[in-house]
Amino acid sequence: MKSTGVRLQKIIARSGRASRREAEKLIVSGKVTVNDITVTELGTRAIPGVDIIKVNGEEIRTEELTYMVLYKPRFCVTTMKDPQNRRCIGDLLKKWPVRLYPVGRLDY
């Protein structure tokens, strides 16, 4: 097991392929390969952009993280989609070219 890099379940979750818990199930069930070697041990690490990671035979794309600061307007919730149909930052950033992970105050 590599001591450098990022845990596989985190890489898979960041790619949007599965949640971290679902990624753990995929790893344990032998559906994940790193550089064409099947991985079944949780905690295995890989280097995004260097190692070739596949889930069910399909290569996952890793993305570089970009951080953005947004001054959230009043009456806008910090989420990409709101089940209560309140205005959210997802409405403000619909056309943003990369996947967003909003963090911050959740108050309305």
Protein backbone atom coordinates (compact mmCIF):
# COMPACT_ATOMS: atom_id res chain seq x y z
CA MET A 1 0.00 0.00 0.00
CA LYS A 2 1.33 3.44 -0.93
CA SER A 3 1.84 5.85 1.94
CA THR A 4 1.55 8.88 -0.35
CA GLY A 5 -1.36 9.97 -2.45
CA VAL A 6 -5.06 10.09 -1.65
CA ARG A 7 -7.32 7.28 -0.44
CA LEU A 8 -9.14 5.65 -3.34
CA GLN A 9 -12.60 6.08 -1.86
CA LYS A 10 -11.98 9.81 -1.63
CA ILE A 11 -10.79 9.99 -5.26
CA ILE A 12 -13.84 8.04 -6.45
CA ALA A 13 -16.21 10.21 -4.41
CA ARG A 14 -14.63 13.42 -5.73
CA SER A 15 -15.11 12.19 -9.29
CA GLY A 16 -18.85 12.00 -8.70
CA ARG A 17 -18.93 8.29 -9.51
CA ALA A 18 -20.19 7.29 -6.04
CA SER A 19 -20.45 8.51 -2.47
CA ARG A 20 -17.54 7.68 -0.20
CA ARG A 21 -19.48 4.80 1.40
CA GLU A 22 -20.53 3.46 -2.02
CA ALA A 23 -16.90 3.75 -3.17
CA GLU A 24 -15.84 1.60 -0.21
CA LYS A 25 -18.31 -1.09 -1.30
CA LEU A 26 -16.98 -0.94 -4.87
CA ILE A 27 -13.41 -1.36 -3.63
CA VAL A 28 -14.19 -4.28 -1.30
CA SER A 29 -16.17 -6.03 -4.06
CA GLY A 30 -13.16 -5.88 -6.42
CA LYS A 31 -14.66 -3.45 -8.94
CA VAL A 32 -11.80 -0.92 -8.70
CA THR A 33 -8.41 -1.16 -10.37
CA VAL A 34 -5.34 1.04 -10.07
CA ASN A 35 -2.92 0.73 -12.99
CA ASP A 36 -4.80 -2.46 -14.04
CA ILE A 37 -4.32 -4.11 -10.62
CA THR A 38 -7.54 -4.98 -8.76
CA VAL A 39 -7.75 -3.34 -5.35
CA THR A 40 -9.88 -4.74 -2.51
CA GLU A 41 -8.21 -3.16 0.52
CA LEU A 42 -9.75 -0.03 2.01
CA GLY A 43 -7.23 2.71 2.65
CA THR A 44 -5.30 2.00 -0.54
CA ARG A 45 -3.87 5.23 -1.90
CA ALA A 46 -3.33 6.49 -5.41
CA ILE A 47 -2.00 9.65 -6.98
CA PRO A 48 -4.72 11.44 -8.98
CA GLY A 49 -3.57 12.38 -12.46
CA VAL A 50 -0.69 9.88 -12.30
CA ASP A 51 -2.29 6.52 -11.48
CA ILE A 52 -4.98 5.16 -13.79
CA ILE A 53 -8.05 4.40 -11.69
CA LYS A 54 -10.96 2.43 -13.12
CA VAL A 55 -14.37 1.59 -11.67
CA ASN A 56 -16.16 -1.29 -13.38
CA GLY A 57 -13.58 -1.08 -16.16
CA GLU A 58 -14.24 2.59 -16.88
CA GLU A 59 -11.51 5.14 -16.17
CA ILE A 60 -12.54 7.88 -13.80
CA ARG A 61 -11.51 11.44 -14.41
CA THR A 62 -9.87 13.32 -11.62
CA GLU A 63 -10.30 17.02 -11.45
CA GLU A 64 -8.14 19.74 -10.04
CA LEU A 65 -9.80 21.58 -7.18
CA THR A 66 -10.58 25.26 -7.52
CA TYR A 67 -11.66 27.36 -4.56
CA MET A 68 -14.03 30.29 -4.96
CA VAL A 69 -15.26 32.81 -2.42
CA LEU A 70 -18.80 34.01 -2.93
CA TYR A 71 -20.55 36.70 -0.95
CA LYS A 72 -23.88 34.95 -0.61
CA PRO A 73 -26.90 37.23 -1.04
CA ARG A 74 -29.60 37.34 1.63
CA PHE A 75 -32.36 34.76 1.30
CA CYS A 76 -30.09 32.37 -0.56
CA VAL A 77 -29.12 28.96 0.87
CA THR A 78 -25.67 27.38 0.55
CA THR A 79 -26.55 24.38 -1.58
CA MET A 80 -26.66 23.54 -5.27
CA LYS A 81 -30.29 22.41 -5.19
CA ASP A 82 -32.95 23.08 -2.56
CA PRO A 83 -35.84 20.62 -2.06
CA GLN A 84 -37.93 23.50 -0.66
CA ASN A 85 -37.37 25.50 -3.86
CA ARG A 86 -35.67 28.38 -2.06
CA ARG A 87 -33.13 30.44 -3.95
CA CYS A 88 -29.72 28.77 -3.68
CA ILE A 89 -26.19 29.34 -4.91
CA GLY A 90 -26.81 26.64 -7.53
CA ASP A 91 -29.20 29.12 -9.16
CA LEU A 92 -26.49 31.78 -9.21
CA LEU A 93 -23.79 29.50 -10.61
CA LYS A 94 -25.71 27.27 -13.05
CA LYS A 95 -23.26 27.74 -15.87
CA TRP A 96 -20.08 27.36 -13.82
CA PRO A 97 -17.83 25.05 -15.90
CA VAL A 98 -16.69 22.72 -13.08
CA ARG A 99 -18.43 20.73 -10.36
CA LEU A 100 -19.03 22.76 -7.21
CA TYR A 101 -19.01 21.68 -3.56
CA PRO A 102 -20.58 24.49 -1.57
CA VAL A 103 -19.52 24.99 2.04
CA GLY A 104 -20.39 27.73 4.46
CA ARG A 105 -23.28 29.12 6.40
CA LEU A 106 -26.53 27.36 5.75
CA ASP A 107 -28.86 30.02 7.12
CA TYR A 108 -31.46 31.59 4.90
